[in-house]
Amino acid sequence: MALNRQLSVFVSSTSEDLHSYRQVAQQVILARGWFPIMNEYWGAMSNPVVEACCKKMEKADLVLLLMAFRQGYVPTVDQGGNGADSITALEIEYARRNNIPVLGLLANKNTWPGDLYEDSQTAREWVKQFRGNLNLPAEFFDPEQPNPAAKETDQLPQFRSKVGAVLLNFQQELIAREEAKAAAAAEGPDFFSRACAGVVEGTIIPFMGSGVYGNGGLSARELSKALGVDASQDESCLATAAEYMERHLDSRFDFLGKLHRIIEERMAELKTPPLIYQLLLEAARPPLIVSSTCDLVLEQYLEKQGKQYTLVCHIVRSFRNENDGKLLVFDGEKHEITVADKVRLDPNKYIIYKPLGSPLLHDRLDPDLEIDTVVMTESDHLVLLGRLEHEMTQIPTALCRHLQRRPLLFAGYGLDVWHYRLVMQVFQLVQAQGSRPTPIVVRQPASSMEEMVWHRLGADILRVSPDEFAQRVLASLSPGKNGASRAG
């Protein structure tokens, strides 16, 4: 983005009358962290003058034109000019021919000193015609005298301010254009159509995050608040909030009990499941779903719809460490504890891979086993991520085959530091088998940093909320119907 990129600015002007103004322009450009291209520092060059200037301009992102009332140097035909137009005019002509933006700062004719005008009438007419034909929105500046008592960076303060404002406006316009371009691309029909077809045909793997709940009680932000940390708009502190809470209680058992109560209460308050959960029922075949939430809203919804599913999660801790790192597989009323390469899945059932577990799952188990599946604190994440690197405790082998062949659809999944690490484990797993399918992100990134990371992961971003996406898909399947009534 232009916000972070160093732009190169070619400064075009006459030299003798605007020497001090060129120096100030250079200082302002450098202060913005950009790179000024100034002919004062080019040194001796073998190429003709005009050709040399144009060569320098090839690297420019924009041209800053400073123009008063002198024509300046006029290159001859041998020097690459036409013997009539100044080097400044030829530079502007080159910039426009090559679609390099030009920003203009013109001296105010009502205040500019007469002794700084051209002497000859012919040159004055040329300047008048050149300025009149610029057809360029411009900022006008008044003459200022250098102040011998002021620091170099404080010279010509009014002109300095105008240069800064012109460059800032250009940067903001560039950012707006780039954002609009990115948004238009992200909202393009290809992304939506591919995501829609993938969900409906069951050829894509939904990867659900707490963002499917918006700002509701089961969102990362609200869970953080319930654990004692006001996350405001930041989703990244849930693991930190959980870590603090567990240390405050000084008991894993008490922490899990508190978390159990919070999640159970929030689930009871939820009137309807997220629309994207309902959308999953439209799949032509039962999909594999990765759920990175610690609630059981999706699971209970499938049960109410009479859908069978198999749920797979990791055992983080157990009595005397007997089952630590193994996989826990729930299939209806039955469950088994096994290792990664022994997990067997029924393709006719929904498969829910729940890497972060849930305290509510523990109710279905023998309490004497002291099985703990919850991955919420910072320490929990470190344990899980370390185990995913080992053959017997990694993502189940049966799921790996799906992850290697099918693209992921991230819905409501924010890339805080811990979720980013989890995703990277998944991506490294599938990348080991060659190029991975392009994932799609259904989310408005919370920051430019998150957006950059998604792009680095090769993801296409569909900038809508999970509910908006589900509504659009359901509407496309059943025009005129309300998506919620269609799905359940």
Protein backbone atom coordinates (compact mmCIF):
# COMPACT_ATOMS: atom_id res chain seq x y z
CA MET A 1 0.00 0.00 0.00
CA ALA A 2 1.03 3.61 -0.61
CA LEU A 3 0.77 4.12 3.14
CA ASN A 4 3.89 2.02 3.70
CA ARG A 5 5.71 2.23 0.36
CA GLN A 6 8.56 4.67 -0.27
CA LEU A 7 7.48 6.77 -3.26
CA SER A 8 9.99 8.34 -5.66
CA VAL A 9 9.30 12.01 -6.45
CA PHE A 10 10.87 13.75 -9.44
CA VAL A 11 11.19 17.48 -8.71
CA SER A 12 10.81 19.52 -11.90
CA SER A 13 11.42 23.27 -11.90
CA THR A 14 13.67 26.07 -13.01
CA SER A 15 16.75 26.25 -10.81
CA GLU A 16 18.13 29.74 -10.40
CA ASP A 17 14.95 31.47 -9.23
CA LEU A 18 13.59 28.52 -7.19
CA HIS A 19 16.75 27.10 -5.66
CA SER A 20 15.60 27.60 -2.04
CA TYR A 21 12.15 26.22 -2.84
CA ARG A 22 13.68 23.09 -4.37
CA GLN A 23 15.69 22.53 -1.19
CA VAL A 24 12.56 22.78 0.94
CA ALA A 25 10.68 20.40 -1.36
CA GLN A 26 13.53 17.91 -1.03
CA GLN A 27 13.41 18.14 2.77
CA VAL A 28 9.65 17.60 2.89
CA ILE A 29 9.89 14.56 0.60
CA LEU A 30 12.64 13.05 2.75
CA ALA A 31 10.66 13.79 5.92
CA ARG A 32 7.81 11.65 4.56
CA GLY A 33 10.23 8.77 4.11
CA TRP A 34 10.06 9.15 0.31
CA PHE A 35 12.89 9.50 -2.21
CA PRO A 36 13.49 12.79 -4.08
CA ILE A 37 14.93 12.66 -7.61
CA MET A 38 16.85 15.92 -8.00
CA ASN A 39 19.09 16.95 -10.90
CA GLU A 40 21.46 18.67 -8.44
CA TYR A 41 22.86 15.26 -7.52
CA TRP A 42 23.09 13.47 -10.85
CA GLY A 43 26.70 14.30 -11.65
CA ALA A 44 28.21 14.10 -15.14
CA MET A 45 26.16 12.13 -17.68
CA SER A 46 27.10 11.01 -21.20
CA ASN A 47 23.54 10.92 -22.58
CA PRO A 48 21.87 13.99 -24.12
CA VAL A 49 20.20 16.17 -21.47
CA VAL A 50 16.57 15.37 -22.29
CA GLU A 51 17.25 11.65 -22.62
CA ALA A 52 19.07 11.67 -19.26
CA CYS A 53 16.12 13.42 -17.55
CA CYS A 54 13.61 10.99 -19.04
CA LYS A 55 15.74 8.06 -17.91
CA LYS A 56 15.60 9.36 -14.34
CA MET A 57 11.85 9.89 -14.59
CA GLU A 58 11.27 6.22 -15.44
CA LYS A 59 11.75 5.46 -11.74
CA ALA A 60 9.38 8.19 -10.52
CA ASP A 61 6.00 7.51 -8.91
CA LEU A 62 5.03 11.15 -9.36
CA VAL A 63 6.39 14.51 -10.52
CA LEU A 64 6.35 17.59 -8.30
CA LEU A 65 6.27 20.65 -10.57
CA LEU A 66 7.44 23.97 -9.08
CA MET A 67 6.76 26.77 -11.56
CA ALA A 68 7.24 30.52 -11.23
CA PHE A 69 7.71 32.99 -14.12
CA ARG A 70 10.95 31.98 -15.76
CA GLN A 71 11.27 29.70 -18.75
CA GLY A 72 14.59 28.25 -17.70
CA TYR A 73 16.94 26.11 -19.71
CA VAL A 74 15.85 25.32 -23.33
CA PRO A 75 17.57 22.20 -24.74
CA THR A 76 18.68 22.30 -28.35
CA VAL A 77 17.81 19.66 -30.92
CA ASP A 78 21.24 18.08 -30.39
CA GLN A 79 20.48 17.88 -26.66
CA GLY A 80 17.20 16.10 -27.32
CA GLY A 81 14.94 19.15 -27.20
CA ASN A 82 13.20 21.17 -29.87
CA GLY A 83 14.93 24.50 -29.31
CA ALA A 84 11.69 26.13 -28.12
CA ASP A 85 10.41 24.39 -24.99
CA SER A 86 12.18 24.37 -21.66
CA ILE A 87 13.52 21.23 -20.02
CA THR A 88 10.73 21.60 -17.45
CA ALA A 89 8.07 21.53 -20.18
CA LEU A 90 9.69 18.48 -21.78
CA GLU A 91 9.74 16.70 -18.42
CA ILE A 92 6.03 17.35 -17.88
CA GLU A 93 5.28 16.18 -21.43
CA TYR A 94 7.19 12.94 -20.77
CA ALA A 95 5.37 12.39 -17.46
CA ARG A 96 1.95 12.76 -19.08
CA ARG A 97 2.90 10.55 -22.00
CA ASN A 98 3.89 7.83 -19.55
CA ASN A 99 0.98 8.31 -17.09
CA ILE A 100 3.16 9.60 -14.25
CA PRO A 101 1.02 11.83 -11.97
CA VAL A 102 2.00 15.50 -11.85
CA LEU A 103 1.43 17.69 -8.77
CA GLY A 104 1.71 21.42 -9.34
CA LEU A 105 2.81 24.26 -7.08
CA LEU A 106 2.71 27.56 -8.98
CA ALA A 107 3.98 30.94 -7.87
CA ASN A 108 1.22 33.48 -7.27
CA LYS A 109 1.31 36.10 -10.07
CA ASN A 110 -0.21 38.73 -7.73
CA THR A 111 2.65 38.56 -5.24
CA TRP A 112 5.66 37.25 -7.16
CA PRO A 113 8.43 39.90 -7.48
CA GLY A 114 8.78 41.48 -10.93
CA ASP A 115 12.55 41.08 -10.93
CA LEU A 116 12.06 37.30 -10.93
CA TYR A 117 10.14 37.35 -14.23
CA GLU A 118 11.75 36.75 -17.61
CA ASP A 119 13.29 39.82 -19.20
CA SER A 120 12.31 39.15 -22.82
CA GLN A 121 8.72 39.43 -23.96
CA THR A 122 9.03 36.21 -25.98
CA ALA A 123 10.07 34.23 -22.91
CA ARG A 124 7.29 35.84 -20.85
CA GLU A 125 4.72 34.84 -23.43
CA TRP A 126 6.07 31.30 -23.42
CA VAL A 127 5.75 31.10 -19.61
CA LYS A 128 2.20 32.50 -19.74
CA GLN A 129 1.19 29.99 -22.38
CA PHE A 130 2.86 27.08 -20.58
CA ARG A 131 1.20 27.88 -17.25
CA GLY A 132 -2.15 28.46 -18.94
CA ASN A 133 -2.03 25.13 -20.76
CA LEU A 134 -1.05 23.00 -17.78
CA ASN A 135 -4.67 22.00 -17.19
CA LEU A 136 -3.64 20.92 -13.73
CA PRO A 137 -5.17 21.55 -10.28
CA ALA A 138 -2.42 23.44 -8.51
CA GLU A 139 -1.51 25.00 -5.18
CA PHE A 140 -0.30 28.62 -5.36
CA PHE A 141 2.55 29.87 -3.19
CA ASP A 142 3.78 33.34 -2.30
CA PRO A 143 7.41 34.49 -2.21
CA GLU A 144 9.34 33.99 1.02
CA GLN A 145 12.83 35.05 1.99
CA PRO A 146 15.19 32.58 3.70
CA ASN A 147 15.66 33.39 7.40
CA PRO A 148 19.37 33.33 8.33
CA ALA A 149 18.46 32.82 12.02
CA ALA A 150 16.19 29.80 11.40
CA LYS A 151 17.27 26.20 11.10
CA GLU A 152 17.46 24.70 7.61
CA THR A 153 14.35 22.62 8.26
CA ASP A 154 12.38 25.73 9.27
CA GLN A 155 13.05 27.77 6.12
CA LEU A 156 10.16 28.99 3.94
CA PRO A 157 7.50 27.72 6.41
CA GLN A 158 4.44 28.63 4.30
CA PHE A 159 5.79 26.96 1.19
CA ARG A 160 6.95 23.97 3.28
CA SER A 161 3.42 23.55 4.60
CA LYS A 162 1.94 23.67 1.09
CA VAL A 163 4.35 21.04 -0.23
CA GLY A 164 3.52 18.77 2.73
CA ALA A 165 -0.22 19.19 2.15
CA VAL A 166 0.07 18.45 -1.59
CA LEU A 167 2.06 15.26 -0.97
CA LEU A 168 -0.26 14.14 1.82
CA ASN A 169 -3.33 14.65 -0.37
CA PHE A 170 -1.71 12.62 -3.14
CA GLN A 171 -0.90 9.81 -0.72
CA GLN A 172 -4.45 9.74 0.65
CA GLU A 173 -5.91 9.66 -2.86
CA LEU A 174 -3.53 6.88 -3.84
CA ILE A 175 -4.46 4.85 -0.76
CA ALA A 176 -8.15 5.37 -1.46
CA ARG A 177 -7.71 4.22 -5.07
CA GLU A 178 -5.71 1.16 -4.04
CA GLU A 179 -8.25 0.24 -1.35
CA ALA A 180 -11.13 0.68 -3.78
CA LYS A 181 -9.30 -1.44 -6.34
CA ALA A 182 -8.62 -4.15 -3.77
CA ALA A 183 -12.22 -4.05 -2.53
CA ALA A 184 -13.57 -4.24 -6.07
CA ALA A 185 -11.33 -7.21 -6.80
CA ALA A 186 -12.28 -8.90 -3.54
CA GLU A 187 -15.96 -8.37 -4.24
CA GLY A 188 -15.52 -9.65 -7.76
CA PRO A 189 -17.90 -12.35 -8.99
CA ASP A 190 -15.10 -14.91 -9.29
CA PHE A 191 -14.40 -14.97 -5.55
CA PHE A 192 -18.05 -15.14 -4.57
CA SER A 193 -18.98 -17.61 -7.27
CA ARG A 194 -16.09 -19.89 -6.39
CA ALA A 195 -16.88 -19.72 -2.67
CA CYS A 196 -20.59 -20.28 -3.29
CA ALA A 197 -19.98 -23.26 -5.59
CA GLY A 198 -17.45 -24.74 -3.17
CA VAL A 199 -19.86 -24.67 -0.24
CA VAL A 200 -22.87 -25.94 -2.16
CA GLU A 201 -20.98 -28.68 -3.99
CA GLY A 202 -19.08 -29.70 -0.86
CA THR A 203 -15.71 -29.25 -2.56
CA ILE A 204 -14.40 -26.65 -0.11
CA ILE A 205 -13.55 -27.00 3.59
CA PRO A 206 -15.24 -24.38 5.83
CA PHE A 207 -12.79 -23.15 8.49
CA MET A 208 -14.95 -21.43 11.14
CA GLY A 209 -13.80 -18.80 13.62
CA SER A 210 -15.48 -16.94 16.46
CA GLY A 211 -16.19 -14.07 14.05
CA VAL A 212 -19.25 -16.00 12.86
CA TYR A 213 -20.90 -14.63 16.02
CA GLY A 214 -20.20 -11.01 15.07
CA ASN A 215 -20.11 -9.02 18.31
CA GLY A 216 -22.28 -11.54 20.17
CA GLY A 217 -21.57 -13.28 23.44
CA LEU A 218 -19.54 -16.09 21.90
CA SER A 219 -17.21 -13.79 19.95
CA ALA A 220 -13.55 -13.62 20.98
CA ARG A 221 -14.01 -10.06 22.20
CA GLU A 222 -16.95 -10.89 24.47
CA LEU A 223 -15.33 -14.05 25.81
CA SER A 224 -12.26 -11.97 26.67
CA LYS A 225 -14.47 -9.56 28.60
CA ALA A 226 -16.10 -12.45 30.45
CA LEU A 227 -12.63 -13.66 31.43
CA GLY A 228 -11.73 -10.22 32.77
CA VAL A 229 -10.06 -8.40 29.84
CA ASP A 230 -11.86 -5.76 27.78
CA ALA A 231 -10.61 -6.53 24.29
CA SER A 232 -12.43 -3.55 22.76
CA GLN A 233 -12.07 -4.11 19.01
CA ASP A 234 -9.04 -6.38 19.35
CA GLU A 235 -9.64 -10.11 19.01
CA SER A 236 -6.07 -11.04 19.77
CA CYS A 237 -6.16 -11.06 23.58
CA LEU A 238 -8.48 -14.03 24.23
CA ALA A 239 -5.51 -16.34 24.80
CA THR A 240 -3.93 -13.73 27.08
CA ALA A 241 -7.19 -13.21 29.00
CA ALA A 242 -7.54 -16.97 29.46
CA GLU A 243 -3.91 -17.24 30.60
CA TYR A 244 -4.42 -14.50 33.20
CA MET A 245 -7.65 -16.03 34.43
CA GLU A 246 -6.15 -19.50 34.87
CA ARG A 247 -3.19 -18.07 36.76
CA HIS A 248 -5.49 -15.92 38.89
CA LEU A 249 -7.59 -18.95 39.86
CA ASP A 250 -4.41 -20.99 40.27
CA SER A 251 -6.33 -24.06 39.18
CA ARG A 252 -6.90 -25.61 35.78
CA PHE A 253 -9.99 -27.35 37.14
CA ASP A 254 -11.52 -24.07 38.34
CA PHE A 255 -10.62 -22.33 35.08
CA LEU A 256 -12.33 -25.01 33.00
CA GLY A 257 -15.37 -24.83 35.27
CA LYS A 258 -15.64 -21.07 34.84
CA LEU A 259 -15.16 -21.34 31.07
CA HIS A 260 -17.79 -24.10 30.93
CA ARG A 261 -20.34 -21.88 32.68
CA ILE A 262 -19.58 -18.86 30.50
CA ILE A 263 -19.93 -20.79 27.24
CA GLU A 264 -23.03 -22.66 28.38
CA GLU A 265 -24.74 -19.39 29.41
CA ARG A 266 -23.82 -17.68 26.14
CA MET A 267 -25.09 -20.63 24.11
CA ALA A 268 -28.39 -20.51 25.95
CA GLU A 269 -28.73 -16.81 25.14
CA LEU A 270 -28.14 -17.40 21.42
CA LYS A 271 -31.55 -17.34 19.75
CA THR A 272 -30.54 -18.68 16.33
CA PRO A 273 -27.29 -20.17 15.07
CA PRO A 274 -25.15 -18.12 12.69
CA LEU A 275 -26.59 -18.15 9.19
CA ILE A 276 -23.41 -19.66 7.80
CA TYR A 277 -23.99 -22.75 9.98
CA GLN A 278 -27.38 -23.07 8.37
CA LEU A 279 -25.78 -22.70 4.94
CA LEU A 280 -23.71 -25.83 5.56
CA LEU A 281 -26.88 -27.91 5.31
CA GLU A 282 -27.10 -26.94 1.63
CA ALA A 283 -23.95 -28.88 0.75
CA ALA A 284 -24.49 -31.64 -1.79
CA ARG A 285 -22.51 -33.96 0.46
CA PRO A 286 -21.64 -33.74 4.17
CA PRO A 287 -18.55 -31.55 4.39
CA LEU A 288 -15.45 -31.57 6.52
CA ILE A 289 -15.68 -28.55 8.82
CA VAL A 290 -12.82 -27.09 10.85
CA SER A 291 -14.26 -25.32 13.91
CA SER A 292 -11.88 -23.12 15.92
CA THR A 293 -14.48 -22.19 18.55
CA CYS A 294 -14.86 -23.74 22.01
CA ASP A 295 -18.66 -23.83 21.96
CA LEU A 296 -20.95 -26.52 20.58
CA VAL A 297 -23.46 -24.36 18.71
CA LEU A 298 -22.73 -25.99 15.37
CA GLU A 299 -22.86 -29.47 16.82
CA GLN A 300 -26.18 -28.92 18.58
CA TYR A 301 -27.62 -27.35 15.44
CA LEU A 302 -26.71 -30.39 13.34
CA GLU A 303 -28.28 -32.66 15.95
CA LYS A 304 -31.53 -30.67 15.86
CA GLN A 305 -31.59 -31.04 12.08
CA GLY A 306 -31.18 -34.79 12.40
CA LYS A 307 -27.68 -34.75 10.88
CA GLN A 308 -25.05 -37.24 11.96
CA TYR A 309 -21.52 -36.07 12.54
CA THR A 310 -18.15 -37.25 13.77
CA LEU A 311 -16.17 -34.85 15.94
CA VAL A 312 -12.39 -35.04 16.27
CA CYS A 313 -10.30 -33.08 18.79
CA HIS A 314 -6.99 -33.35 20.62
CA ILE A 315 -6.42 -34.39 24.21
CA VAL A 316 -4.33 -31.67 25.82
CA ARG A 317 -4.09 -33.20 29.30
CA SER A 318 -5.23 -36.38 31.00
CA PHE A 319 -4.88 -38.38 34.22
CA ARG A 320 -1.19 -39.15 34.76
CA ASN A 321 -0.57 -38.01 31.16
CA GLU A 322 -1.78 -41.38 29.93
CA ASN A 323 -3.62 -39.98 26.88
CA ASP A 324 -1.85 -36.66 26.35
CA GLY A 325 -1.60 -35.77 22.67
CA LYS A 326 -3.91 -38.50 21.44
CA LEU A 327 -7.02 -37.87 19.37
CA LEU A 328 -10.50 -38.02 20.84
CA VAL A 329 -13.18 -39.07 18.33
CA PHE A 330 -16.89 -38.67 19.10
CA ASP A 331 -19.36 -40.58 16.91
CA GLY A 332 -22.89 -40.22 18.22
CA GLU A 333 -23.03 -41.69 21.72
CA LYS A 334 -19.71 -43.46 21.27
CA HIS A 335 -16.21 -42.12 21.57
CA GLU A 336 -12.71 -43.50 21.26
CA ILE A 337 -9.19 -42.41 22.07
CA THR A 338 -6.64 -43.13 19.36
CA VAL A 339 -3.57 -41.81 17.54
CA ALA A 340 -3.41 -39.70 14.39
CA ASP A 341 -3.03 -42.45 11.81
CA LYS A 342 -5.74 -44.67 13.34
CA VAL A 343 -8.64 -42.23 13.07
CA ARG A 344 -11.39 -43.65 10.84
CA LEU A 345 -14.07 -41.40 9.36
CA ASP A 346 -17.42 -42.11 7.72
CA PRO A 347 -17.70 -40.06 4.47
CA ASN A 348 -21.50 -40.13 4.76
CA LYS A 349 -21.44 -38.04 7.95
CA TYR A 350 -20.46 -34.48 8.68
CA ILE A 351 -16.91 -34.37 10.01
CA ILE A 352 -16.05 -31.65 12.51
CA TYR A 353 -12.37 -31.17 13.30
CA LYS A 354 -12.22 -29.12 16.49
CA PRO A 355 -8.55 -28.40 17.20
CA LEU A 356 -9.30 -26.12 20.15
CA GLY A 357 -11.69 -28.57 21.85
CA SER A 358 -14.47 -27.54 24.25
CA PRO A 359 -15.07 -27.84 28.01
CA LEU A 360 -18.62 -28.99 27.18
CA LEU A 361 -17.22 -32.13 25.54
CA HIS A 362 -15.82 -33.24 28.87
CA ASP A 363 -19.34 -33.91 30.16
CA ARG A 364 -19.56 -36.89 27.79
CA LEU A 365 -16.46 -38.57 29.22
CA ASP A 366 -15.55 -40.60 32.28
CA PRO A 367 -14.41 -37.97 34.81
CA ASP A 368 -11.80 -40.39 36.19
CA LEU A 369 -9.90 -40.05 32.91
CA GLU A 370 -9.54 -36.29 33.57
CA ILE A 371 -9.61 -35.61 29.83
CA ASP A 372 -8.96 -31.95 28.92
CA THR A 373 -9.41 -30.90 25.28
CA VAL A 374 -9.44 -27.12 25.72
CA VAL A 375 -6.90 -25.00 23.87
CA MET A 376 -7.50 -21.41 24.94
CA THR A 377 -4.63 -20.07 27.03
CA GLU A 378 -1.27 -19.11 25.57
CA SER A 379 0.23 -22.19 27.25
CA ASP A 380 -2.46 -24.42 25.68
CA HIS A 381 -1.61 -23.15 22.20
CA LEU A 382 2.09 -23.80 22.70
CA VAL A 383 1.34 -27.38 23.77
CA LEU A 384 -0.95 -28.04 20.80
CA LEU A 385 1.36 -26.48 18.23
CA GLY A 386 4.29 -28.50 19.50
CA ARG A 387 2.36 -31.74 19.26
CA LEU A 388 1.11 -31.05 15.74
CA GLU A 389 4.68 -31.50 14.57
CA HIS A 390 4.77 -35.17 15.64
CA GLU A 391 3.44 -38.05 13.60
CA MET A 392 1.28 -39.68 16.28
CA THR A 393 -0.23 -36.48 17.68
CA GLN A 394 -0.59 -34.38 14.53
CA ILE A 395 -3.73 -33.55 12.56
CA PRO A 396 -5.39 -36.92 11.86
CA THR A 397 -4.03 -38.59 8.74
CA ALA A 398 -7.53 -39.08 7.35
CA LEU A 399 -8.09 -35.30 7.53
CA CYS A 400 -4.71 -34.52 5.98
CA ARG A 401 -5.79 -36.04 2.69
CA HIS A 402 -8.78 -33.67 2.53
CA LEU A 403 -6.69 -30.65 3.54
CA GLN A 404 -4.12 -31.40 0.86
CA ARG A 405 -6.67 -31.61 -1.95
CA ARG A 406 -9.42 -29.13 -1.14
CA PRO A 407 -9.33 -25.34 -0.64
CA LEU A 408 -10.23 -23.77 2.71
CA LEU A 409 -13.00 -21.23 3.24
CA PHE A 410 -12.12 -19.12 6.29
CA ALA A 411 -15.32 -17.65 7.75
CA GLY A 412 -15.06 -15.25 10.69
CA TYR A 413 -11.51 -16.35 11.35
CA GLY A 414 -9.24 -13.52 12.54
CA LEU A 415 -5.48 -13.87 12.32
CA ASP A 416 -4.36 -13.08 15.85
CA VAL A 417 -0.95 -14.46 16.69
CA TRP A 418 -2.21 -17.84 17.97
CA HIS A 419 -4.71 -18.46 15.20
CA TYR A 420 -2.08 -17.45 12.68
CA ARG A 421 0.26 -20.11 14.08
CA LEU A 422 -2.46 -22.74 13.89
CA VAL A 423 -3.21 -21.85 10.27
CA MET A 424 0.47 -21.97 9.40
CA GLN A 425 0.65 -25.53 10.74
CA VAL A 426 -2.23 -26.49 8.45
CA PHE A 427 -0.67 -24.68 5.47
CA GLN A 428 2.72 -26.28 6.04
CA LEU A 429 1.04 -29.66 6.19
CA VAL A 430 -0.70 -29.28 2.85
CA GLN A 431 2.22 -27.51 1.23
CA ALA A 432 4.40 -30.57 1.85
CA GLN A 433 2.44 -32.25 -0.94
CA GLY A 434 3.07 -29.51 -3.49
CA SER A 435 1.06 -26.43 -4.39
CA ARG A 436 -2.01 -25.92 -2.21
CA PRO A 437 -5.47 -24.90 -3.43
CA THR A 438 -6.18 -21.17 -3.09
CA PRO A 439 -8.15 -20.46 0.11
CA ILE A 440 -10.92 -17.87 0.40
CA VAL A 441 -11.36 -15.56 3.38
CA VAL A 442 -14.90 -14.38 4.17
CA ARG A 443 -14.08 -11.47 6.41
CA GLN A 444 -13.27 -7.78 6.55
CA PRO A 445 -9.65 -7.82 7.82
CA ALA A 446 -9.29 -6.02 11.14
CA SER A 447 -6.03 -4.33 10.12
CA SER A 448 -3.70 -3.77 7.19
CA MET A 449 -1.30 -6.21 8.85
CA GLU A 450 -3.92 -8.97 8.86
CA GLU A 451 -4.73 -8.25 5.21
CA MET A 452 -1.06 -8.45 4.30
CA VAL A 453 -0.73 -11.82 6.05
CA TRP A 454 -3.75 -13.24 4.22
CA HIS A 455 -2.24 -12.14 0.92
CA ARG A 456 1.08 -13.73 1.85
CA LEU A 457 -0.78 -16.95 2.52
CA GLY A 458 -2.13 -16.70 -1.02
CA ALA A 459 -5.74 -16.19 0.05
CA ASP A 460 -8.51 -14.42 -1.87
CA ILE A 461 -10.41 -12.02 0.40
CA LEU A 462 -14.19 -11.70 0.10
CA ARG A 463 -14.90 -8.59 2.18
CA VAL A 464 -18.26 -9.47 3.69
CA SER A 465 -19.33 -10.85 7.04
CA PRO A 466 -20.06 -14.59 7.28
CA ASP A 467 -23.78 -13.84 7.68
CA GLU A 468 -23.79 -11.58 4.60
CA PHE A 469 -22.03 -14.26 2.60
CA ALA A 470 -24.47 -16.93 3.74
CA GLN A 471 -27.44 -14.69 2.95
CA ARG A 472 -26.16 -14.08 -0.58
CA VAL A 473 -25.52 -17.77 -1.21
CA LEU A 474 -28.93 -18.80 0.11
CA ALA A 475 -30.61 -16.09 -1.94
CA SER A 476 -28.83 -17.31 -5.07
CA LEU A 477 -30.07 -20.84 -4.38
CA SER A 478 -33.63 -19.82 -3.63
CA PRO A 479 -34.46 -16.40 -5.14
CA GLY A 480 -37.07 -14.51 -3.19
CA LYS A 481 -36.79 -16.70 -0.12
CA ASN A 482 -35.34 -15.71 3.21
CA GLY A 483 -32.14 -17.63 3.81
CA ALA A 484 -32.92 -18.45 7.43
CA SER A 485 -36.29 -20.00 6.63
CA ARG A 486 -34.74 -22.05 3.84
CA ALA A 487 -32.00 -23.51 6.00
CA GLY A 488 -33.90 -24.26 9.11
